[in-house]
Protein backbone atom coordinates (compact mmCIF):
# COMPACT_ATOMS: atom_id res chain seq x y z
CA MET A 1 43.28 100.25 138.18
CA GLU A 2 44.99 101.98 135.44
CA LYS A 3 43.26 105.32 134.16
CA ILE A 4 42.12 104.01 130.80
CA LEU A 5 39.76 105.77 128.41
CA GLY A 6 37.98 103.73 125.60
CA ILE A 7 36.47 106.00 122.72
CA ASP A 8 34.42 104.45 120.04
CA LEU A 9 34.51 107.60 117.80
CA ALA A 10 31.93 108.50 115.29
CA GLY A 11 32.83 109.97 111.95
CA SER A 12 30.68 113.35 112.46
CA GLU A 13 29.71 115.36 115.38
CA ARG A 14 26.00 114.81 114.56
CA ARG A 15 26.52 110.80 115.36
CA LYS A 16 27.12 109.35 118.58
CA THR A 17 30.46 108.63 120.27
CA GLY A 18 30.93 106.08 122.87
CA ILE A 19 32.63 106.45 125.97
CA THR A 20 34.01 104.08 128.70
CA PHE A 21 36.11 104.42 131.86
CA VAL A 22 36.04 103.09 135.29
CA LYS A 23 35.65 105.30 138.42
CA ASN A 24 35.27 104.09 142.01
CA GLU A 25 35.38 100.52 140.74
CA LYS A 26 32.44 101.20 138.60
CA LEU A 27 32.16 101.11 134.89
CA ILE A 28 31.00 104.49 133.28
CA THR A 29 29.47 104.15 129.73
CA PHE A 30 27.63 106.70 127.79
CA GLU A 31 27.47 108.59 124.41
CA ILE A 32 28.45 112.31 123.44
CA ASN A 33 28.58 114.07 120.39
CA THR A 34 31.10 116.92 119.85
CA ASP A 35 34.84 117.19 119.66
CA ASN A 36 34.99 119.75 122.83
CA GLU A 37 32.66 117.40 124.63
CA ILE A 38 35.31 114.56 123.90
CA LEU A 39 38.14 116.67 125.16
CA ASP A 40 36.30 117.73 128.13
CA ILE A 41 35.77 114.02 129.23
CA ILE A 42 39.79 113.47 128.69
CA ASP A 43 40.17 116.29 131.12
CA TYR A 44 37.87 114.96 133.47
CA VAL A 45 39.16 111.33 133.59
CA GLN A 46 42.87 112.21 133.24
CA PRO A 47 43.60 108.98 131.63
CA ASN A 48 47.34 107.64 131.16
CA LEU A 49 45.98 105.32 128.12
CA ILE A 50 43.21 106.28 125.50
CA CYS A 51 42.15 103.81 123.27
CA ILE A 52 40.21 104.85 120.01
CA ASP A 53 38.37 102.96 117.62
CA ALA A 54 39.45 104.98 114.61
CA PRO A 55 42.49 105.17 112.17
CA LEU A 56 44.94 107.29 113.67
CA SER A 57 47.16 107.48 110.64
CA ILE A 58 46.91 107.31 106.78
CA PRO A 59 48.86 104.75 104.07
CA GLU A 60 52.12 105.72 103.41
CA GLY A 61 52.39 107.90 100.38
CA ARG A 62 49.45 109.72 101.00
CA LYS A 63 49.56 113.56 101.32
CA SER A 64 46.09 113.35 102.86
CA ILE A 65 43.03 110.96 103.36
CA ASP A 66 41.72 112.49 100.21
CA ASP A 67 44.64 111.85 98.19
CA LYS A 68 42.95 109.32 95.68
CA ARG A 69 46.91 108.58 94.01
CA GLY A 70 48.03 107.14 97.35
CA LYS A 71 47.68 103.40 98.72
CA HIS A 72 44.32 102.18 99.98
CA LEU A 73 45.76 100.33 102.93
CA ARG A 74 48.46 100.86 105.84
CA GLU A 75 50.64 98.12 106.51
CA CYS A 76 48.83 97.24 109.89
CA ASP A 77 45.64 97.00 107.76
CA LYS A 78 47.21 94.45 105.42
CA ILE A 79 48.18 92.31 108.46
CA LEU A 80 44.64 92.40 109.69
CA LEU A 81 43.58 91.00 106.04
CA LYS A 82 45.94 88.17 106.57
CA MET A 83 44.85 87.42 109.81
CA LYS A 84 41.28 87.35 108.14
CA ILE A 85 39.82 89.88 110.52
CA LYS A 86 37.14 92.00 108.54
CA PHE A 87 37.34 95.81 108.74
CA PHE A 88 36.27 98.67 106.48
CA PRO A 89 39.18 100.15 104.43
CA ILE A 90 40.08 103.69 105.55
CA THR A 91 39.80 105.07 102.12
CA LEU A 92 36.13 104.25 102.17
CA GLY A 93 33.89 107.45 102.17
CA PRO A 94 32.71 107.42 105.81
CA MET A 95 35.77 106.04 107.18
CA ARG A 96 37.80 108.96 105.47
CA MET A 97 35.56 111.38 107.49
CA LEU A 98 36.30 109.24 110.53
CA THR A 99 40.11 109.22 109.86
CA LYS A 100 40.08 112.99 109.53
CA ARG A 101 38.30 113.42 112.81
CA ALA A 102 40.66 111.04 114.60
CA ILE A 103 43.79 112.42 113.39
CA PHE A 104 42.33 115.95 114.51
CA LEU A 105 41.48 114.86 117.88
CA LEU A 106 44.88 113.20 118.39
CA GLN A 107 46.55 116.40 117.64
CA LYS A 108 44.57 117.99 120.42
CA ILE A 109 45.40 115.33 122.93
CA ASP A 110 48.10 115.80 125.28
CA LYS A 111 51.07 114.22 123.98
CA ASN A 112 52.00 112.82 127.45
CA ILE A 113 49.03 110.59 127.33
CA GLU A 114 49.37 107.22 125.20
CA THR A 115 46.94 107.04 122.47
CA ILE A 116 46.50 103.92 120.61
CA GLU A 117 44.37 102.60 117.77
CA VAL A 118 42.08 99.58 118.68
CA PHE A 119 39.42 97.68 116.76
CA PRO A 120 36.36 96.38 118.84
CA GLY A 121 35.65 93.87 115.92
CA ALA A 122 38.86 92.11 116.57
CA LEU A 123 38.08 91.65 120.33
CA TYR A 124 34.60 90.31 119.61
CA ASP A 125 36.21 87.78 117.01
CA SER A 126 38.87 86.94 119.46
CA ILE A 127 36.16 85.36 122.04
CA LYS A 128 34.23 84.25 119.09
CA ILE A 129 30.78 86.37 119.75
CA GLY A 130 28.74 88.03 117.08
CA ARG A 131 30.04 91.96 116.58
CA LYS A 132 26.38 93.19 116.43
CA ASN A 133 24.86 90.46 119.16
CA LYS A 134 24.18 92.88 121.74
CA ILE A 135 22.82 90.47 124.03
CA GLN A 136 25.63 88.13 123.91
CA ILE A 137 28.08 90.85 124.09
CA THR A 138 26.47 92.23 127.26
CA LYS A 139 26.30 88.87 128.93
CA THR A 140 29.96 88.33 128.30
CA TYR A 141 30.90 91.89 129.64
CA SER A 142 29.04 91.12 132.81
CA LYS A 143 31.30 87.97 133.48
CA ILE A 144 34.48 89.68 132.54
CA PHE A 145 33.86 92.72 134.92
CA ALA A 146 32.77 90.51 137.66
CA LYS A 147 36.02 88.94 137.62
CA MET A 148 37.64 92.25 137.40
CA ASN A 149 35.74 93.35 140.63
CA VAL A 150 34.29 96.21 138.74
CA PHE A 151 30.45 96.91 138.72
CA PHE A 152 28.69 96.47 135.38
CA GLU A 153 25.03 97.53 134.99
CA ILE A 154 22.88 95.27 133.32
CA ARG A 155 20.98 97.51 131.03
CA GLU A 156 20.19 97.97 127.31
CA TYR A 157 23.50 99.36 125.71
CA SER A 158 23.80 101.00 122.39
CA GLN A 159 26.13 99.60 120.03
CA ASP A 160 28.31 102.57 120.52
CA GLU A 161 28.50 101.89 124.03
CA LEU A 162 29.42 98.33 123.91
CA ASP A 163 32.21 99.28 121.33
CA SER A 164 33.74 101.69 123.66
CA ILE A 165 33.75 99.10 126.21
CA ALA A 166 35.53 96.70 123.91
CA CYS A 167 37.83 99.63 123.43
CA PHE A 168 38.57 99.87 127.11
CA LEU A 169 38.96 96.30 127.57
CA THR A 170 41.61 96.36 124.68
CA GLY A 171 43.51 98.91 126.71
CA VAL A 172 43.26 96.86 130.05
CA LEU A 173 44.69 93.84 127.88
CA TYR A 174 47.52 96.13 126.44
CA LYS A 175 48.54 97.33 129.87
CA GLN A 176 48.90 93.61 130.89
CA ASN A 177 50.95 92.63 127.50
CA LYS A 178 47.85 90.54 126.51
CA THR A 179 47.75 92.25 123.00
CA ILE A 180 49.01 91.63 119.57
CA ILE A 181 50.63 94.97 118.05
CA LEU A 182 50.04 95.18 114.44
CA GLU A 183 52.74 97.56 113.29
CA GLY A 184 54.05 99.19 110.25
CA LYS A 185 55.80 102.27 108.88
CA ASP A 186 52.44 103.86 108.66
CA GLY A 187 50.77 103.10 111.87
CA LYS A 188 49.65 100.29 114.15
CA ILE A 189 46.49 98.63 115.71
CA VAL A 190 46.38 96.95 119.01
CA ILE A 191 44.04 93.99 119.28
CA PRO A 192 43.67 91.18 122.09
CA ILE A 193 45.06 87.84 121.74
CA ASN A 194 42.53 84.90 121.37
CA ASP A 195 40.83 83.98 124.21
CA PHE A 196 42.02 86.67 126.30
CA THR A 197 39.24 86.17 129.03
CA GLU A 198 41.09 83.55 131.00
CA TYR A 199 43.93 86.21 131.75
CA ILE A 200 41.51 88.78 133.35
């Protein structure tokens, strides 16, 4: 299996960031806090693909995320809107913090590692399960990873952990060309095709 790292990034080091990768055919999922911890995990996993649930770019015309004169949406965000996939605009208060942190980390990540922006909400929507329904999400993951011959521990997961698994799965699908790339001049978001589970 490809070395893929899923990161459900928090907007602040005070909050938990979800991490997911596979080692020895076992899904490893946990939470960390700091930028240094995230970079250490990247060094440990040595992924060839990193999938981050956070904006990795800002709208065209903005000098920074705090530039209030610029556009509020990137072209890829507008495509999400047209697809009726709900999301928080990146100029919303907490999202500004998340965007700053994501772009900072992106600058620290080795440029030889492909890093893509993903959206767990789109993965849940694509298979018609509630975005916050932890029981349903966990049951679905159990079936998916059984098909992949990857050990998935049945336990209580935090939402951050579940979302990082969604990031990881989007990466798996991306490597299999089973995703849609919403791309514009100012960034791109990778989301799964509908009903992707039949292809795993």
